[in-house]
C-alpha atoms as a PDB file:
ATOM      1  CA  UNK A   1      -1.374 -32.822  -3.910  1.00  0.00           C
ATOM      2  CA  UNK A   2      -3.552 -30.350  -2.065  1.00  0.00           C
ATOM      3  CA  UNK A   3      -4.504 -29.581   1.522  1.00  0.00           C
ATOM      4  CA  UNK A   4      -7.775 -28.257   2.850  1.00  0.00           C
ATOM      5  CA  UNK A   5      -7.639 -24.814   4.475  1.00  0.00           C
ATOM      6  CA  UNK A   6     -10.589 -23.248   6.250  1.00  0.00           C
ATOM      7  CA  UNK A   7     -11.437 -19.732   5.069  1.00  0.00           C
ATOM      8  CA  UNK A   8     -14.120 -17.381   6.374  1.00  0.00           C
ATOM      9  CA  UNK A   9     -15.809 -14.383   4.837  1.00  0.00           C
ATOM     10  CA  UNK A  10     -16.034 -11.520   7.305  1.00  0.00           C
ATOM     11  CA  UNK A  11     -19.645 -10.551   6.728  1.00  0.00           C
ATOM     12  CA  UNK A  12     -21.793 -10.870   3.629  1.00  0.00           C
ATOM     13  CA  UNK A  13     -21.105  -7.503   1.971  1.00  0.00           C
ATOM     14  CA  UNK A  14     -18.431  -8.979  -0.301  1.00  0.00           C
ATOM     15  CA  UNK A  15     -19.956 -12.409  -1.008  1.00  0.00           C
ATOM     16  CA  UNK A  16     -19.962 -11.491  -4.704  1.00  0.00           C
ATOM     17  CA  UNK A  17     -16.154 -11.574  -4.731  1.00  0.00           C
ATOM     18  CA  UNK A  18     -14.468 -14.911  -5.415  1.00  0.00           C
ATOM     19  CA  UNK A  19     -12.378 -16.646  -2.799  1.00  0.00           C
ATOM     20  CA  UNK A  20      -8.653 -16.557  -3.608  1.00  0.00           C
ATOM     21  CA  UNK A  21      -8.230 -18.686  -6.704  1.00  0.00           C
ATOM     22  CA  UNK A  22      -5.678 -20.051  -9.153  1.00  0.00           C
ATOM     23  CA  UNK A  23      -6.026 -18.402 -12.567  1.00  0.00           C
ATOM     24  CA  UNK A  24      -4.334 -21.248 -14.461  1.00  0.00           C
ATOM     25  CA  UNK A  25      -3.680 -24.926 -13.809  1.00  0.00           C
ATOM     26  CA  UNK A  26       0.046 -24.293 -13.354  1.00  0.00           C
ATOM     27  CA  UNK A  27      -0.294 -21.312 -10.999  1.00  0.00           C
ATOM     28  CA  UNK A  28       1.529 -21.488  -7.670  1.00  0.00           C
ATOM     29  CA  UNK A  29      -0.215 -18.399  -6.348  1.00  0.00           C
ATOM     30  CA  UNK A  30      -3.904 -17.674  -5.885  1.00  0.00           C
ATOM     31  CA  UNK A  31      -5.120 -14.212  -6.792  1.00  0.00           C
ATOM     32  CA  UNK A  32      -6.796 -12.355  -3.939  1.00  0.00           C
ATOM     33  CA  UNK A  33      -9.382  -9.633  -4.504  1.00  0.00           C
ATOM     34  CA  UNK A  34      -9.873  -6.128  -3.081  1.00  0.00           C
ATOM     35  CA  UNK A  35     -12.879  -6.067  -0.731  1.00  0.00           C
ATOM     36  CA  UNK A  36     -13.689  -2.374  -0.862  1.00  0.00           C
ATOM     37  CA  UNK A  37     -16.860  -0.382  -1.501  1.00  0.00           C
ATOM     38  CA  UNK A  38     -15.209   2.776  -2.797  1.00  0.00           C
ATOM     39  CA  UNK A  39     -12.144   3.157  -4.997  1.00  0.00           C
ATOM     40  CA  UNK A  40      -8.862   3.637  -3.150  1.00  0.00           C
ATOM     41  CA  UNK A  41      -6.197   5.823  -4.718  1.00  0.00           C
ATOM     42  CA  UNK A  42      -2.579   4.999  -4.026  1.00  0.00           C
ATOM     43  CA  UNK A  43      -0.640   8.192  -4.616  1.00  0.00           C
ATOM     44  CA  UNK A  44       2.832   8.101  -6.162  1.00  0.00           C
ATOM     45  CA  UNK A  45       5.222   6.547  -3.634  1.00  0.00           C
ATOM     46  CA  UNK A  46       2.303   5.969  -1.251  1.00  0.00           C
ATOM     47  CA  UNK A  47       1.319   2.875   0.721  1.00  0.00           C
ATOM     48  CA  UNK A  48      -2.166   1.624   1.676  1.00  0.00           C
ATOM     49  CA  UNK A  49      -3.677  -1.406   3.372  1.00  0.00           C
ATOM     50  CA  UNK A  50      -6.334  -3.069   1.206  1.00  0.00           C
ATOM     51  CA  UNK A  51      -8.858  -5.310   2.994  1.00  0.00           C
ATOM     52  CA  UNK A  52      -9.875  -8.730   1.664  1.00  0.00           C
ATOM     53  CA  UNK A  53     -12.798  -9.439   4.044  1.00  0.00           C
ATOM     54  CA  UNK A  54     -11.287 -12.906   4.570  1.00  0.00           C
ATOM     55  CA  UNK A  55      -9.650 -14.792   7.419  1.00  0.00           C
ATOM     56  CA  UNK A  56      -8.178 -18.265   7.345  1.00  0.00           C
ATOM     57  CA  UNK A  57      -7.158 -21.175   9.523  1.00  0.00           C
ATOM     58  CA  UNK A  58      -3.921 -22.590   8.219  1.00  0.00           C
ATOM     59  CA  UNK A  59      -2.786 -25.990   9.487  1.00  0.00           C
ATOM     60  CA  UNK A  60       0.170 -25.968  11.884  1.00  0.00           C
ATOM     61  CA  UNK A  61       3.391 -26.130   9.876  1.00  0.00           C
ATOM     62  CA  UNK A  62       2.022 -23.959   7.033  1.00  0.00           C
ATOM     63  CA  UNK A  63       2.168 -20.263   6.247  1.00  0.00           C
ATOM     64  CA  UNK A  64       0.427 -18.184   3.612  1.00  0.00           C
ATOM     65  CA  UNK A  65       2.805 -15.900   1.725  1.00  0.00           C
ATOM     66  CA  UNK A  66       1.529 -12.642   0.219  1.00  0.00           C
ATOM     67  CA  UNK A  67       3.303 -11.794  -3.027  1.00  0.00           C
ATOM     68  CA  UNK A  68       3.130  -9.092  -5.662  1.00  0.00           C
ATOM     69  CA  UNK A  69       1.347  -9.711  -8.942  1.00  0.00           C
ATOM     70  CA  UNK A  70       3.991  -9.419 -11.653  1.00  0.00           C
ATOM     71  CA  UNK A  71       1.712  -7.602 -14.101  1.00  0.00           C
ATOM     72  CA  UNK A  72       0.799  -4.915 -11.549  1.00  0.00           C
ATOM     73  CA  UNK A  73       4.449  -4.488 -10.656  1.00  0.00           C
ATOM     74  CA  UNK A  74       5.720  -4.231 -14.229  1.00  0.00           C
ATOM     75  CA  UNK A  75       2.911  -2.194 -15.766  1.00  0.00           C
ATOM     76  CA  UNK A  76       1.858   0.027 -12.856  1.00  0.00           C
ATOM     77  CA  UNK A  77       4.676   0.001 -10.289  1.00  0.00           C
ATOM     78  CA  UNK A  78       2.387  -1.564  -7.655  1.00  0.00           C
ATOM     79  CA  UNK A  79       4.064  -3.963  -5.218  1.00  0.00           C
ATOM     80  CA  UNK A  80       2.871  -5.927  -2.228  1.00  0.00           C
ATOM     81  CA  UNK A  81       5.148  -4.424   0.385  1.00  0.00           C
ATOM     82  CA  UNK A  82       6.985  -6.780   2.734  1.00  0.00           C
ATOM     83  CA  UNK A  83       6.738  -9.341  -0.042  1.00  0.00           C
ATOM     84  CA  UNK A  84       6.549 -12.103   0.652  1.00  0.00           C
ATOM     85  CA  UNK A  85       4.602 -11.217   3.733  1.00  0.00           C
ATOM     86  CA  UNK A  86       3.687 -14.082   6.027  1.00  0.00           C
ATOM     87  CA  UNK A  87       0.292 -15.023   7.414  1.00  0.00           C
ATOM     88  CA  UNK A  88       1.044 -17.360  10.326  1.00  0.00           C
ATOM     89  CA  UNK A  89      -0.944 -20.485  11.121  1.00  0.00           C
ATOM     90  CA  UNK A  90      -2.129 -19.051  14.448  1.00  0.00           C
ATOM     91  CA  UNK A  91      -3.415 -15.749  12.966  1.00  0.00           C
ATOM     92  CA  UNK A  92      -7.199 -15.541  12.636  1.00  0.00           C
ATOM     93  CA  UNK A  93      -7.715 -11.879  11.772  1.00  0.00           C
ATOM     94  CA  UNK A  94      -8.554 -10.308   8.447  1.00  0.00           C
ATOM     95  CA  UNK A  95      -6.009 -10.743   5.682  1.00  0.00           C
ATOM     96  CA  UNK A  96      -4.898  -7.292   4.588  1.00  0.00           C
ATOM     97  CA  UNK A  97      -2.686  -6.552   1.603  1.00  0.00           C
ATOM     98  CA  UNK A  98      -0.103  -3.778   1.942  1.00  0.00           C
ATOM     99  CA  UNK A  99       0.269  -2.184  -1.492  1.00  0.00           C
ATOM    100  CA  UNK A 100       2.889   0.427  -2.353  1.00  0.00           C
ATOM    101  CA  UNK A 101       3.047   2.551  -5.477  1.00  0.00           C
ATOM    102  CA  UNK A 102       6.601   2.937  -6.765  1.00  0.00           C
ATOM    103  CA  UNK A 103       5.498   4.830  -9.878  1.00  0.00           C
ATOM    104  CA  UNK A 104       5.071   8.563 -10.457  1.00  0.00           C
ATOM    105  CA  UNK A 105       1.336   8.146 -11.139  1.00  0.00           C
ATOM    106  CA  UNK A 106      -1.656   7.669  -8.868  1.00  0.00           C
ATOM    107  CA  UNK A 107      -3.018   4.113  -9.063  1.00  0.00           C
ATOM    108  CA  UNK A 108      -6.673   3.344  -8.352  1.00  0.00           C
ATOM    109  CA  UNK A 109      -7.780   0.079  -6.732  1.00  0.00           C
ATOM    110  CA  UNK A 110     -11.391  -0.852  -7.476  1.00  0.00           C
ATOM    111  CA  UNK A 111     -13.738  -3.331  -5.818  1.00  0.00           C
ATOM    112  CA  UNK A 112     -12.845  -6.859  -6.894  1.00  0.00           C
ATOM    113  CA  UNK A 113      -9.461  -6.010  -8.419  1.00  0.00           C
ATOM    114  CA  UNK A 114      -6.885  -8.789  -8.185  1.00  0.00           C
ATOM    115  CA  UNK A 115      -4.327  -7.119  -5.935  1.00  0.00           C
ATOM    116  CA  UNK A 116      -1.835  -9.805  -4.865  1.00  0.00           C
ATOM    117  CA  UNK A 117      -1.134 -13.523  -4.841  1.00  0.00           C
ATOM    118  CA  UNK A 118      -1.295 -15.943  -1.948  1.00  0.00           C
ATOM    119  CA  UNK A 119       1.010 -18.956  -1.816  1.00  0.00           C
ATOM    120  CA  UNK A 120       0.487 -21.535   0.934  1.00  0.00           C
ATOM    121  CA  UNK A 121       3.790 -23.150   1.890  1.00  0.00           C
ATOM    122  CA  UNK A 122       5.072 -25.660   4.405  1.00  0.00           C
ATOM    123  CA  UNK A 123       7.756 -24.582   6.860  1.00  0.00           C
ATOM    124  CA  UNK A 124       9.915 -26.180   9.533  1.00  0.00           C
ATOM    125  CA  UNK A 125      10.746 -24.921  13.009  1.00  0.00           C
ATOM    126  CA  UNK A 126      14.438 -25.017  13.802  1.00  0.00           C
ATOM    127  CA  UNK A 127      16.414 -25.353  16.977  1.00  0.00           C
ATOM    128  CA  UNK A 128      19.573 -23.270  17.002  1.00  0.00           C
ATOM    129  CA  UNK A 129      22.700 -25.212  17.828  1.00  0.00           C
ATOM    130  CA  UNK A 130      25.356 -22.735  18.880  1.00  0.00           C
ATOM    131  CA  UNK A 131      28.793 -23.542  17.517  1.00  0.00           C
ATOM    132  CA  UNK A 132      32.255 -21.978  17.754  1.00  0.00           C
ATOM    133  CA  UNK A 133      33.060 -22.923  14.141  1.00  0.00           C
ATOM    134  CA  UNK A 134      31.055 -23.498  10.973  1.00  0.00           C
ATOM    135  CA  UNK A 135      32.117 -25.691   8.049  1.00  0.00           C
ATOM    136  CA  UNK A 136      34.060 -24.030   5.208  1.00  0.00           C
ATOM    137  CA  UNK A 137      32.615 -23.609   1.710  1.00  0.00           C
ATOM    138  CA  UNK A 138      34.006 -22.138  -1.513  1.00  0.00           C
ATOM    139  CA  UNK A 139      32.122 -18.922  -0.701  1.00  0.00           C
ATOM    140  CA  UNK A 140      32.546 -18.956   3.103  1.00  0.00           C
ATOM    141  CA  UNK A 141      32.218 -15.386   4.409  1.00  0.00           C
ATOM    142  CA  UNK A 142      32.746 -13.666   1.025  1.00  0.00           C
ATOM    143  CA  UNK A 143      29.818 -11.353   1.632  1.00  0.00           C
ATOM    144  CA  UNK A 144      27.098  -9.916  -0.560  1.00  0.00           C
ATOM    145  CA  UNK A 145      27.746 -10.490  -4.256  1.00  0.00           C
ATOM    146  CA  UNK A 146      30.637 -12.866  -3.641  1.00  0.00           C
ATOM    147  CA  UNK A 147      29.109 -15.562  -5.869  1.00  0.00           C
ATOM    148  CA  UNK A 148      29.370 -13.161  -8.822  1.00  0.00           C
ATOM    149  CA  UNK A 149      26.990 -12.098 -11.570  1.00  0.00           C
ATOM    150  CA  UNK A 150      28.204 -13.899 -14.702  1.00  0.00           C
ATOM    151  CA  UNK A 151      28.373 -17.618 -15.298  1.00  0.00           C
END
C-alpha cells in the first residue's frame, strides 16, 4: 500500500539530484540526498545542518521521520541527530538533515551524497485521561532496565 505525498524542489539548482527514493524493494526508508554546491566538512564531534532543497506536504495524520543511515553510522560515525527527527504534516519549509560526527576524523559531505533516510509513518493524536491509579503489570514501576538483558 502506498500514499501520495506532494514534494517540491526549492529552485532548479539541484534538479539533477533524485527525489528521496527507496534503494531496494524491501526498504522502509528512502535515502535523501545532500543539496550542496561545495563540500561540507563535519569536524570530529561536530554538528552541521545539511540542506535537501526539498519541502513536502504530508497528509494529516502522517509524519516523516528522519533516521540515520546504518552504513554511515557504523563506518564513519555519522548520525542523524535527534533521530528519529519528525517532520510534521503542517510544516512546509525546507527539509534539513542534522548530521553529527561521533568519530575522531573529519567527515566530508559532497553534493548528492545519501545522508539520511526518510520514513513516512502514520500517527494518532491522543487525549490524556487523568487517573489516580494505573493498572498493574509484571514490570509496573521497575524503572530503566527492569525488564533485564538476558532471555
